[in-house]
């Protein structure tokens, strides 16, 4: 059970992670995966817009919440930095279920998370 940083209208899921542990678990861990995604994470464009959404709207508040020493935590916008505390090092783009793993997406008609 997890969420996504962004979801395109055609169903592509984008997750960005600092070390890769969160996205790795969604690829190799469970026998099935369920994403619970708030309407605020839907993007009208494609993968590039989804990545931009994650970096613009998810990474800065998460860095601040986690007390990371990054420009985006201070400035509130992604600076595409090389900080050791950077939380957007690994990007996973799912256009199909990994290994045929059953995957469900529950889209919730409210804003959830970043």
Protein backbone atom coordinates (compact mmCIF):
# COMPACT_ATOMS: atom_id res chain seq x y z
CA UNK A 1 0.00 0.00 0.00
CA UNK A 2 1.56 3.29 -1.07
CA UNK A 3 0.91 6.48 -2.97
CA UNK A 4 2.43 8.20 -5.97
CA UNK A 5 4.15 11.54 -6.38
CA UNK A 6 2.22 11.99 -9.63
CA UNK A 7 -0.21 10.16 -11.89
CA UNK A 8 -0.77 11.05 -15.53
CA UNK A 9 -4.26 11.01 -16.99
CA UNK A 10 -3.30 7.99 -19.09
CA UNK A 11 -2.27 6.02 -15.99
CA UNK A 12 1.50 6.40 -15.77
CA UNK A 13 2.71 6.50 -12.16
CA UNK A 14 5.78 8.53 -11.19
CA UNK A 15 7.55 8.17 -7.85
CA UNK A 16 10.73 9.94 -6.84
CA UNK A 17 12.85 8.85 -3.90
CA UNK A 18 16.10 9.79 -2.21
CA UNK A 19 17.79 6.41 -1.84
CA UNK A 20 15.56 4.23 -3.96
CA UNK A 21 14.33 2.08 -1.07
CA UNK A 22 10.70 3.24 -1.39
CA UNK A 23 10.51 2.78 -5.15
CA UNK A 24 12.46 -0.50 -4.99
CA UNK A 25 9.87 -1.95 -2.64
CA UNK A 26 7.11 -1.05 -5.10
CA UNK A 27 9.00 -2.87 -7.86
CA UNK A 28 10.40 -5.95 -6.14
CA UNK A 29 8.67 -6.34 -2.80
CA UNK A 30 5.03 -7.32 -2.69
CA UNK A 31 2.92 -9.85 -4.56
CA UNK A 32 0.48 -7.03 -5.32
CA UNK A 33 0.51 -3.26 -5.04
CA UNK A 34 -2.26 -0.80 -4.22
CA UNK A 35 -1.73 2.92 -4.82
CA UNK A 36 -4.01 5.40 -3.04
CA UNK A 37 -3.69 8.66 -4.95
CA UNK A 38 -5.31 12.01 -4.18
CA UNK A 39 -6.72 14.14 -6.99
CA UNK A 40 -3.98 16.72 -6.35
CA UNK A 41 -1.42 14.29 -7.81
CA UNK A 42 -3.15 13.98 -11.19
CA UNK A 43 -1.44 15.77 -14.08
CA UNK A 44 -2.96 16.50 -17.47
CA UNK A 45 0.32 16.15 -19.37
CA UNK A 46 2.72 13.26 -19.68
CA UNK A 47 5.70 11.92 -17.78
CA UNK A 48 7.72 15.15 -17.89
CA UNK A 49 4.85 17.05 -16.27
CA UNK A 50 4.53 14.30 -13.67
CA UNK A 51 8.22 14.53 -12.80
CA UNK A 52 7.99 18.32 -12.64
CA UNK A 53 4.97 18.05 -10.33
CA UNK A 54 6.85 15.74 -7.98
CA UNK A 55 9.88 18.02 -7.84
CA UNK A 56 7.86 21.23 -7.56
CA UNK A 57 5.07 20.22 -5.18
CA UNK A 58 6.28 17.12 -3.31
CA UNK A 59 10.02 17.45 -2.77
CA UNK A 60 10.23 20.94 -1.18
CA UNK A 61 7.62 20.35 1.55
CA UNK A 62 8.95 16.85 2.21
CA UNK A 63 12.50 18.18 2.60
CA UNK A 64 11.23 20.79 5.02
CA UNK A 65 9.16 18.21 6.95
CA UNK A 66 12.18 15.88 7.19
CA UNK A 67 14.54 18.72 8.22
CA UNK A 68 16.77 18.14 5.20
CA UNK A 69 19.57 20.57 4.48
CA UNK A 70 18.63 21.30 0.86
CA UNK A 71 17.95 24.45 -1.13
CA UNK A 72 14.37 23.36 -1.76
CA UNK A 73 13.72 23.04 2.00
CA UNK A 74 14.91 26.63 2.42
CA UNK A 75 13.59 28.19 -0.79
CA UNK A 76 10.41 26.14 -1.19
CA UNK A 77 11.24 25.30 -4.82
CA UNK A 78 13.41 22.64 -6.42
CA UNK A 79 16.93 23.88 -7.19
CA UNK A 80 18.02 20.61 -8.86
CA UNK A 81 20.79 20.52 -6.26
CA UNK A 82 23.59 18.11 -5.48
CA UNK A 83 22.97 18.22 -1.74
CA UNK A 84 23.78 15.10 0.25
CA UNK A 85 20.28 15.40 1.76
CA UNK A 86 18.59 15.48 -1.65
CA UNK A 87 15.44 13.34 -1.66
CA UNK A 88 14.92 13.21 -5.42
CA UNK A 89 17.73 10.97 -6.68
CA UNK A 90 15.81 7.97 -8.01
CA UNK A 91 12.84 8.27 -10.36
CA UNK A 92 10.58 5.31 -11.11
CA UNK A 93 8.12 5.52 -13.99
CA UNK A 94 5.48 2.80 -14.12
CA UNK A 95 3.66 2.41 -17.40
CA UNK A 96 2.93 -1.26 -16.69
CA UNK A 97 2.86 -3.43 -13.58
CA UNK A 98 6.31 -4.80 -12.65
CA UNK A 99 6.62 -8.51 -13.46
CA UNK A 100 2.91 -8.68 -14.15
CA UNK A 101 2.32 -7.97 -10.45
CA UNK A 102 -1.35 -7.17 -9.80
CA UNK A 103 -1.56 -3.41 -9.30
CA UNK A 104 -4.57 -1.28 -8.40
CA UNK A 105 -4.85 2.48 -8.30
CA UNK A 106 -7.51 4.00 -6.06
CA UNK A 107 -8.07 7.61 -7.05
CA UNK A 108 -9.51 9.61 -4.15
CA UNK A 109 -11.53 12.74 -4.88
CA UNK A 110 -9.66 14.87 -2.34
CA UNK A 111 -6.16 16.24 -1.86
CA UNK A 112 -3.89 13.73 -0.13
CA UNK A 113 -0.31 14.43 0.84
CA UNK A 114 2.11 16.35 -1.34
